[in-house]
Amino acid sequence: MSTRRILVVEDDRTLRENLRYNLVASGYEVVAVADGSVALEAVLKQPPDLVLLDLMIPGVNGVEVCKTLRRSGSIVPILMLTALDSEANLIEGLDSGADDYVTKPFSMSELLARIENQISRMASLAESPEHANEDVIDFGDLTIDRASREVKIFDIPIETSFREFELLVYLATNEGRVFTRDQLLHSVWGIDYSGNTRTVDVHIRWLRKKIEQDPTNPDYLKTMRGVGYRMDRIVSPEKS
């Protein structure tokens, strides 16, 4: 098996070199850069297996790096390094397209475990044939095109963020199945932790505003009180 490659984006030289040393010692090939614009060039030149990204970097910041990569179609796992632990900051980073985060200061063992989890998750997704040929998911007046990453309601395109789209696809391809917030965090965001699950609630609320005729009484994205969420199919008279 080829050596897995990690791009480290960190402007603190001491931390950057410490990360490089420990990751190389753990068997990874490492490219380390100090700013966002160089990071974007590096990903386009040779896509890594994972990007380890500090949010507070000079020039193009971490959030913009995430957004730019996701808009380009890149699905490389992105693990955020952040000293900002407020819910709003974490949601901003995750919604920009990051898959997981580690709050500074962190232990190297925790970081390595999260890196391995993300790389393994991506490998499992690549090997799974489930829904591989189902590019367009038809939910009546709602259609989701996985290939073009386009969502339409009543044939009108709506704009979704990277993570909103991933959440919508996951629930749609598991129609009628109820998921807890922790399950959705693990499967959609790649996060496995027993912390605040408000991230899921916020994204469900945003999606309802975009696809539901009445977000307070949703047809598609249903809340199962005390459990979590599920997605139901609505067939319009024209399509029945």
C-alpha atoms as a PDB file:
ATOM      1  CA  MET A   1       0.000   0.000   0.000  1.00  0.00           C
ATOM      2  CA  SER A   2       1.344   3.453  -0.909  1.00  0.00           C
ATOM      3  CA  THR A   3       2.256   5.904   1.838  1.00  0.00           C
ATOM      4  CA  ARG A   4      -0.672   8.119   2.742  1.00  0.00           C
ATOM      5  CA  ARG A   5      -0.041  11.798   2.206  1.00  0.00           C
ATOM      6  CA  ILE A   6      -1.083  14.668   4.479  1.00  0.00           C
ATOM      7  CA  LEU A   7      -1.026  18.373   3.721  1.00  0.00           C
ATOM      8  CA  VAL A   8      -0.408  20.415   6.900  1.00  0.00           C
ATOM      9  CA  VAL A   9      -1.503  24.057   6.750  1.00  0.00           C
ATOM     10  CA  GLU A  10      -0.264  25.887   9.852  1.00  0.00           C
ATOM     11  CA  ASP A  11       1.369  29.313  10.156  1.00  0.00           C
ATOM     12  CA  ASP A  12       2.950  28.684  13.567  1.00  0.00           C
ATOM     13  CA  ARG A  13       6.381  27.389  12.587  1.00  0.00           C
ATOM     14  CA  THR A  14       7.015  25.489  15.822  1.00  0.00           C
ATOM     15  CA  LEU A  15       3.669  23.691  15.677  1.00  0.00           C
ATOM     16  CA  ARG A  16       4.008  23.068  11.949  1.00  0.00           C
ATOM     17  CA  GLU A  17       7.388  21.375  12.368  1.00  0.00           C
ATOM     18  CA  ASN A  18       6.163  19.417  15.384  1.00  0.00           C
ATOM     19  CA  LEU A  19       3.209  18.134  13.367  1.00  0.00           C
ATOM     20  CA  ARG A  20       5.477  17.220  10.475  1.00  0.00           C
ATOM     21  CA  TYR A  21       7.845  15.312  12.757  1.00  0.00           C
ATOM     22  CA  ASN A  22       5.124  13.307  14.492  1.00  0.00           C
ATOM     23  CA  LEU A  23       3.190  12.530  11.319  1.00  0.00           C
ATOM     24  CA  VAL A  24       6.306  11.325   9.495  1.00  0.00           C
ATOM     25  CA  ALA A  25       7.193   9.218  12.548  1.00  0.00           C
ATOM     26  CA  SER A  26       3.686   7.694  12.300  1.00  0.00           C
ATOM     27  CA  GLY A  27       4.258   6.629   8.694  1.00  0.00           C
ATOM     28  CA  TYR A  28       2.698   9.483   6.731  1.00  0.00           C
ATOM     29  CA  GLU A  29       4.224  11.473   3.910  1.00  0.00           C
ATOM     30  CA  VAL A  30       3.880  15.156   4.821  1.00  0.00           C
ATOM     31  CA  VAL A  31       3.814  18.446   2.928  1.00  0.00           C
ATOM     32  CA  ALA A  32       3.687  21.456   5.262  1.00  0.00           C
ATOM     33  CA  VAL A  33       2.791  25.019   4.215  1.00  0.00           C
ATOM     34  CA  ALA A  34       2.100  28.243   6.094  1.00  0.00           C
ATOM     35  CA  ASP A  35      -0.762  29.972   4.257  1.00  0.00           C
ATOM     36  CA  GLY A  36      -4.029  29.286   2.489  1.00  0.00           C
ATOM     37  CA  SER A  37      -3.156  30.273  -1.058  1.00  0.00           C
ATOM     38  CA  VAL A  38      -0.147  27.945  -1.096  1.00  0.00           C
ATOM     39  CA  ALA A  39      -2.341  25.209   0.374  1.00  0.00           C
ATOM     40  CA  LEU A  40      -4.872  25.514  -2.463  1.00  0.00           C
ATOM     41  CA  GLU A  41      -2.093  25.305  -5.054  1.00  0.00           C
ATOM     42  CA  ALA A  42      -0.670  22.226  -3.315  1.00  0.00           C
ATOM     43  CA  VAL A  43      -4.031  20.409  -3.300  1.00  0.00           C
ATOM     44  CA  LEU A  44      -4.629  21.125  -6.973  1.00  0.00           C
ATOM     45  CA  LYS A  45      -1.101  20.056  -7.895  1.00  0.00           C
ATOM     46  CA  GLN A  46      -1.177  16.749  -6.009  1.00  0.00           C
ATOM     47  CA  PRO A  47      -4.314  15.922  -3.977  1.00  0.00           C
ATOM     48  CA  PRO A  48      -3.398  14.535  -0.531  1.00  0.00           C
ATOM     49  CA  ASP A  49      -5.234  11.872   1.447  1.00  0.00           C
ATOM     50  CA  LEU A  50      -6.106  14.456   4.109  1.00  0.00           C
ATOM     51  CA  VAL A  51      -5.699  18.189   4.776  1.00  0.00           C
ATOM     52  CA  LEU A  52      -4.808  19.232   8.329  1.00  0.00           C
ATOM     53  CA  LEU A  53      -5.906  22.860   8.331  1.00  0.00           C
ATOM     54  CA  ASP A  54      -5.515  25.656  10.877  1.00  0.00           C
ATOM     55  CA  LEU A  55      -8.494  28.004  10.622  1.00  0.00           C
ATOM     56  CA  MET A  56      -6.543  31.137  11.587  1.00  0.00           C
ATOM     57  CA  ILE A  57      -3.947  31.366   8.830  1.00  0.00           C
ATOM     58  CA  PRO A  58      -2.769  34.458   6.933  1.00  0.00           C
ATOM     59  CA  GLY A  59      -4.002  35.383   3.476  1.00  0.00           C
ATOM     60  CA  VAL A  60      -6.768  33.006   2.468  1.00  0.00           C
ATOM     61  CA  ASN A  61      -8.084  31.777   5.831  1.00  0.00           C
ATOM     62  CA  GLY A  62      -9.072  28.222   6.691  1.00  0.00           C
ATOM     63  CA  VAL A  63     -12.797  28.712   6.109  1.00  0.00           C
ATOM     64  CA  GLU A  64     -12.159  30.108   2.625  1.00  0.00           C
ATOM     65  CA  VAL A  65      -9.746  27.265   1.856  1.00  0.00           C
ATOM     66  CA  CYS A  66     -12.503  24.773   2.752  1.00  0.00           C
ATOM     67  CA  LYS A  67     -15.120  26.565   0.681  1.00  0.00           C
ATOM     68  CA  THR A  68     -12.828  26.855  -2.335  1.00  0.00           C
ATOM     69  CA  LEU A  69     -11.898  23.174  -2.245  1.00  0.00           C
ATOM     70  CA  ARG A  70     -15.520  22.063  -1.945  1.00  0.00           C
ATOM     71  CA  ARG A  71     -16.659  24.374  -4.754  1.00  0.00           C
ATOM     72  CA  SER A  72     -13.955  22.837  -6.947  1.00  0.00           C
ATOM     73  CA  GLY A  73     -15.449  19.377  -6.309  1.00  0.00           C
ATOM     74  CA  SER A  74     -12.695  18.139  -4.005  1.00  0.00           C
ATOM     75  CA  ILE A  75     -13.846  15.565  -1.435  1.00  0.00           C
ATOM     76  CA  VAL A  76     -10.492  15.278   0.335  1.00  0.00           C
ATOM     77  CA  PRO A  77     -11.026  14.915   4.115  1.00  0.00           C
ATOM     78  CA  ILE A  78     -10.336  18.183   5.934  1.00  0.00           C
ATOM     79  CA  LEU A  79      -9.484  18.154   9.640  1.00  0.00           C
ATOM     80  CA  MET A  80      -9.561  21.601  11.245  1.00  0.00           C
ATOM     81  CA  LEU A  81      -7.132  22.789  13.894  1.00  0.00           C
ATOM     82  CA  THR A  82      -8.694  25.604  15.878  1.00  0.00           C
ATOM     83  CA  ALA A  83      -8.210  27.516  19.088  1.00  0.00           C
ATOM     84  CA  LEU A  84     -11.785  28.741  18.740  1.00  0.00           C
ATOM     85  CA  ASP A  85     -14.149  26.471  20.631  1.00  0.00           C
ATOM     86  CA  SER A  86     -17.390  28.470  20.478  1.00  0.00           C
ATOM     87  CA  GLU A  87     -20.339  26.756  18.807  1.00  0.00           C
ATOM     88  CA  ALA A  88     -20.673  29.492  16.163  1.00  0.00           C
ATOM     89  CA  ASN A  89     -17.038  29.198  15.091  1.00  0.00           C
ATOM     90  CA  LEU A  90     -17.177  25.411  14.926  1.00  0.00           C
ATOM     91  CA  ILE A  91     -20.377  25.456  12.888  1.00  0.00           C
ATOM     92  CA  GLU A  92     -18.836  27.968  10.469  1.00  0.00           C
ATOM     93  CA  GLY A  93     -15.806  25.751   9.973  1.00  0.00           C
ATOM     94  CA  LEU A  94     -17.791  22.554   9.590  1.00  0.00           C
ATOM     95  CA  ASP A  95     -20.347  24.124   7.270  1.00  0.00           C
ATOM     96  CA  SER A  96     -17.563  25.422   5.038  1.00  0.00           C
ATOM     97  CA  GLY A  97     -16.753  21.801   4.233  1.00  0.00           C
ATOM     98  CA  ALA A  98     -14.452  20.553   6.986  1.00  0.00           C
ATOM     99  CA  ASP A  99     -15.067  16.985   8.152  1.00  0.00           C
ATOM    100  CA  ASP A 100     -13.848  17.147  11.740  1.00  0.00           C
ATOM    101  CA  TYR A 101     -11.982  19.399  14.139  1.00  0.00           C
ATOM    102  CA  VAL A 102      -9.472  19.317  16.966  1.00  0.00           C
ATOM    103  CA  THR A 103      -9.347  22.193  19.433  1.00  0.00           C
ATOM    104  CA  LYS A 104      -5.951  23.475  20.545  1.00  0.00           C
ATOM    105  CA  PRO A 105      -4.232  22.416  22.691  1.00  0.00           C
ATOM    106  CA  PHE A 106      -4.634  18.782  21.662  1.00  0.00           C
ATOM    107  CA  SER A 107      -2.814  15.524  22.296  1.00  0.00           C
ATOM    108  CA  MET A 108      -0.957  13.923  19.411  1.00  0.00           C
ATOM    109  CA  SER A 109      -2.669  10.591  20.103  1.00  0.00           C
ATOM    110  CA  GLU A 110      -6.096  12.230  19.691  1.00  0.00           C
ATOM    111  CA  LEU A 111      -5.016  13.938  16.486  1.00  0.00           C
ATOM    112  CA  LEU A 112      -3.603  10.733  15.001  1.00  0.00           C
ATOM    113  CA  ALA A 113      -6.790   8.846  15.868  1.00  0.00           C
ATOM    114  CA  ARG A 114      -8.957  11.442  14.140  1.00  0.00           C
ATOM    115  CA  ILE A 115      -6.700  11.480  11.083  1.00  0.00           C
ATOM    116  CA  GLU A 116      -6.892   7.708  10.785  1.00  0.00           C
ATOM    117  CA  ASN A 117     -10.670   7.801  11.242  1.00  0.00           C
ATOM    118  CA  GLN A 118     -11.104  10.266   8.369  1.00  0.00           C
ATOM    119  CA  ILE A 119      -8.791   8.447   5.972  1.00  0.00           C
ATOM    120  CA  SER A 120     -10.415   5.089   6.784  1.00  0.00           C
ATOM    121  CA  ARG A 121     -13.900   6.567   6.362  1.00  0.00           C
ATOM    122  CA  MET A 122     -13.011   7.893   2.916  1.00  0.00           C
ATOM    123  CA  ALA A 123     -11.564   4.520   1.900  1.00  0.00           C
ATOM    124  CA  SER A 124     -14.754   2.772   3.025  1.00  0.00           C
ATOM    125  CA  LEU A 125     -16.934   5.170   1.043  1.00  0.00           C
ATOM    126  CA  ALA A 126     -14.841   4.584  -2.069  1.00  0.00           C
ATOM    127  CA  GLU A 127     -15.288   0.826  -1.740  1.00  0.00           C
ATOM    128  CA  SER A 128     -19.040   0.934  -1.098  1.00  0.00           C
ATOM    129  CA  PRO A 129     -21.268   0.366  -4.172  1.00  0.00           C
ATOM    130  CA  GLU A 130     -24.378   1.591  -2.349  1.00  0.00           C
ATOM    131  CA  HIS A 131     -26.305   4.132  -4.423  1.00  0.00           C
ATOM    132  CA  ALA A 132     -23.371   4.369  -6.836  1.00  0.00           C
ATOM    133  CA  ASN A 133     -25.679   4.531  -9.892  1.00  0.00           C
ATOM    134  CA  GLU A 134     -28.386   6.655  -8.310  1.00  0.00           C
ATOM    135  CA  ASP A 135     -27.263  10.074  -9.492  1.00  0.00           C
ATOM    136  CA  VAL A 136     -30.698  11.704  -9.377  1.00  0.00           C
ATOM    137  CA  ILE A 137     -32.814  11.151  -6.280  1.00  0.00           C
ATOM    138  CA  ASP A 138     -36.486  11.943  -6.899  1.00  0.00           C
ATOM    139  CA  PHE A 139     -38.575  12.983  -3.899  1.00  0.00           C
ATOM    140  CA  GLY A 140     -41.577  14.263  -5.807  1.00  0.00           C
ATOM    141  CA  ASP A 141     -41.253  18.035  -6.074  1.00  0.00           C
ATOM    142  CA  LEU A 142     -37.743  17.770  -4.626  1.00  0.00           C
ATOM    143  CA  THR A 143     -34.907  16.381  -6.759  1.00  0.00           C
ATOM    144  CA  ILE A 144     -31.279  15.919  -5.791  1.00  0.00           C
ATOM    145  CA  ASP A 145     -28.603  15.420  -8.448  1.00  0.00           C
ATOM    146  CA  ARG A 146     -25.561  13.830  -6.837  1.00  0.00           C
ATOM    147  CA  ALA A 147     -23.387  14.219  -9.939  1.00  0.00           C
ATOM    148  CA  SER A 148     -23.930  17.959 -10.410  1.00  0.00           C
ATOM    149  CA  ARG A 149     -24.583  18.590  -6.688  1.00  0.00           C
ATOM    150  CA  GLU A 150     -27.766  20.415  -7.647  1.00  0.00           C
ATOM    151  CA  VAL A 151     -30.959  20.541  -5.608  1.00  0.00           C
ATOM    152  CA  LYS A 152     -34.288  21.661  -7.080  1.00  0.00           C
ATOM    153  CA  ILE A 153     -37.648  22.258  -5.455  1.00  0.00           C
ATOM    154  CA  PHE A 154     -40.560  22.659  -7.919  1.00  0.00           C
ATOM    155  CA  ASP A 155     -37.857  22.617 -10.642  1.00  0.00           C
ATOM    156  CA  ILE A 156     -36.278  25.753  -9.155  1.00  0.00           C
ATOM    157  CA  PRO A 157     -32.573  25.359  -8.248  1.00  0.00           C
ATOM    158  CA  ILE A 158     -31.707  26.174  -4.652  1.00  0.00           C
ATOM    159  CA  GLU A 159     -28.277  26.820  -3.240  1.00  0.00           C
ATOM    160  CA  THR A 160     -26.971  24.493  -0.542  1.00  0.00           C
ATOM    161  CA  SER A 161     -23.692  24.527   1.329  1.00  0.00           C
ATOM    162  CA  PHE A 162     -21.346  21.554   1.070  1.00  0.00           C
ATOM    163  CA  ARG A 163     -22.507  20.086   4.377  1.00  0.00           C
ATOM    164  CA  GLU A 164     -26.210  20.817   3.780  1.00  0.00           C
ATOM    165  CA  PHE A 165     -25.998  18.880   0.518  1.00  0.00           C
ATOM    166  CA  GLU A 166     -24.179  15.945   2.147  1.00  0.00           C
ATOM    167  CA  LEU A 167     -26.762  15.781   4.941  1.00  0.00           C
ATOM    168  CA  LEU A 168     -29.666  15.938   2.489  1.00  0.00           C
ATOM    169  CA  VAL A 169     -28.203  13.165   0.315  1.00  0.00           C
ATOM    170  CA  TYR A 170     -27.529  10.947   3.330  1.00  0.00           C
ATOM    171  CA  LEU A 171     -31.076  11.242   4.639  1.00  0.00           C
ATOM    172  CA  ALA A 172     -32.595  10.878   1.151  1.00  0.00           C
ATOM    173  CA  THR A 173     -30.650   7.705   0.374  1.00  0.00           C
ATOM    174  CA  ASN A 174     -31.855   6.272   3.681  1.00  0.00           C
ATOM    175  CA  GLU A 175     -35.501   7.222   3.175  1.00  0.00           C
ATOM    176  CA  GLY A 176     -37.726   6.646   6.201  1.00  0.00           C
ATOM    177  CA  ARG A 177     -34.882   5.609   8.492  1.00  0.00           C
ATOM    178  CA  VAL A 178     -34.519   7.512  11.750  1.00  0.00           C
ATOM    179  CA  PHE A 179     -31.039   8.711  12.716  1.00  0.00           C
ATOM    180  CA  THR A 180     -29.909  10.165  16.004  1.00  0.00           C
ATOM    181  CA  ARG A 181     -27.891  13.371  15.966  1.00  0.00           C
ATOM    182  CA  ASP A 182     -24.768  11.456  16.971  1.00  0.00           C
ATOM    183  CA  GLN A 183     -25.254   9.036  14.056  1.00  0.00           C
ATOM    184  CA  LEU A 184     -25.596  11.936  11.617  1.00  0.00           C
ATOM    185  CA  LEU A 185     -22.499  13.640  13.003  1.00  0.00           C
ATOM    186  CA  HIS A 186     -20.506  10.451  12.564  1.00  0.00           C
ATOM    187  CA  SER A 187     -21.807   9.587   9.085  1.00  0.00           C
ATOM    188  CA  VAL A 188     -22.078  13.035   7.478  1.00  0.00           C
ATOM    189  CA  TRP A 189     -19.462  15.088   9.296  1.00  0.00           C
ATOM    190  CA  GLY A 190     -17.187  12.187  10.205  1.00  0.00           C
ATOM    191  CA  ILE A 191     -17.181  13.264  13.835  1.00  0.00           C
ATOM    192  CA  ASP A 192     -17.372  10.656  16.576  1.00  0.00           C
ATOM    193  CA  TYR A 193     -17.681  12.429  19.896  1.00  0.00           C
ATOM    194  CA  SER A 194     -20.138  12.812  22.744  1.00  0.00           C
ATOM    195  CA  GLY A 195     -20.373  16.578  22.629  1.00  0.00           C
ATOM    196  CA  ASN A 196     -22.788  19.258  21.514  1.00  0.00           C
ATOM    197  CA  THR A 197     -24.975  18.048  18.633  1.00  0.00           C
ATOM    198  CA  ARG A 198     -26.447  21.460  17.844  1.00  0.00           C
ATOM    199  CA  THR A 199     -24.553  21.392  14.542  1.00  0.00           C
ATOM    200  CA  VAL A 200     -27.072  18.876  13.173  1.00  0.00           C
ATOM    201  CA  ASP A 201     -30.079  20.854  14.410  1.00  0.00           C
ATOM    202  CA  VAL A 202     -28.781  24.054  12.821  1.00  0.00           C
ATOM    203  CA  HIS A 203     -28.252  22.388   9.431  1.00  0.00           C
ATOM    204  CA  ILE A 204     -31.681  20.746   9.511  1.00  0.00           C
ATOM    205  CA  ARG A 205     -33.215  24.157  10.240  1.00  0.00           C
ATOM    206  CA  TRP A 206     -31.321  25.740   7.330  1.00  0.00           C
ATOM    207  CA  LEU A 207     -32.409  22.962   4.961  1.00  0.00           C
ATOM    208  CA  ARG A 208     -36.046  23.263   6.008  1.00  0.00           C
ATOM    209  CA  LYS A 209     -36.014  26.979   5.189  1.00  0.00           C
ATOM    210  CA  LYS A 210     -34.824  26.088   1.686  1.00  0.00           C
ATOM    211  CA  ILE A 211     -36.904  23.035   0.735  1.00  0.00           C
ATOM    212  CA  GLU A 212     -40.047  23.066   2.881  1.00  0.00           C
ATOM    213  CA  GLN A 213     -43.178  25.062   2.020  1.00  0.00           C
ATOM    214  CA  ASP A 214     -43.772  25.439   5.758  1.00  0.00           C
ATOM    215  CA  PRO A 215     -40.536  24.919   7.727  1.00  0.00           C
ATOM    216  CA  THR A 216     -42.521  24.728  10.976  1.00  0.00           C
ATOM    217  CA  ASN A 217     -44.572  21.820   9.601  1.00  0.00           C
ATOM    218  CA  PRO A 218     -42.121  20.002   7.303  1.00  0.00           C
ATOM    219  CA  ASP A 219     -43.116  17.445   4.684  1.00  0.00           C
ATOM    220  CA  TYR A 220     -39.622  16.044   3.999  1.00  0.00           C
ATOM    221  CA  LEU A 221     -37.358  16.498   7.009  1.00  0.00           C
ATOM    222  CA  LYS A 222     -39.219  15.079   9.990  1.00  0.00           C
ATOM    223  CA  THR A 223     -38.231  15.348  13.641  1.00  0.00           C
ATOM    224  CA  MET A 224     -38.700  12.226  15.732  1.00  0.00           C
ATOM    225  CA  ARG A 225     -38.967  13.671  19.217  1.00  0.00           C
ATOM    226  CA  GLY A 226     -36.451  12.296  21.653  1.00  0.00           C
ATOM    227  CA  VAL A 227     -34.667  10.386  18.874  1.00  0.00           C
ATOM    228  CA  GLY A 228     -33.516  12.393  15.859  1.00  0.00           C
ATOM    229  CA  TYR A 229     -34.482  12.945  12.219  1.00  0.00           C
ATOM    230  CA  ARG A 230     -35.758  11.083   9.161  1.00  0.00           C
ATOM    231  CA  MET A 231     -36.627  12.015   5.576  1.00  0.00           C
ATOM    232  CA  ASP A 232     -39.921  11.096   3.897  1.00  0.00           C
ATOM    233  CA  ARG A 233     -40.864  11.022   0.229  1.00  0.00           C
ATOM    234  CA  ILE A 234     -43.687  13.255  -0.988  1.00  0.00           C
ATOM    235  CA  VAL A 235     -45.205  12.327  -4.341  1.00  0.00           C
ATOM    236  CA  SER A 236     -47.051  15.134  -6.091  1.00  0.00           C
ATOM    237  CA  PRO A 237     -50.271  14.337  -8.056  1.00  0.00           C
ATOM    238  CA  GLU A 238     -48.457  14.981 -11.359  1.00  0.00           C
ATOM    239  CA  LYS A 239     -45.859  12.307 -10.537  1.00  0.00           C
ATOM    240  CA  SER A 240     -48.188   9.706  -9.062  1.00  0.00           C
END
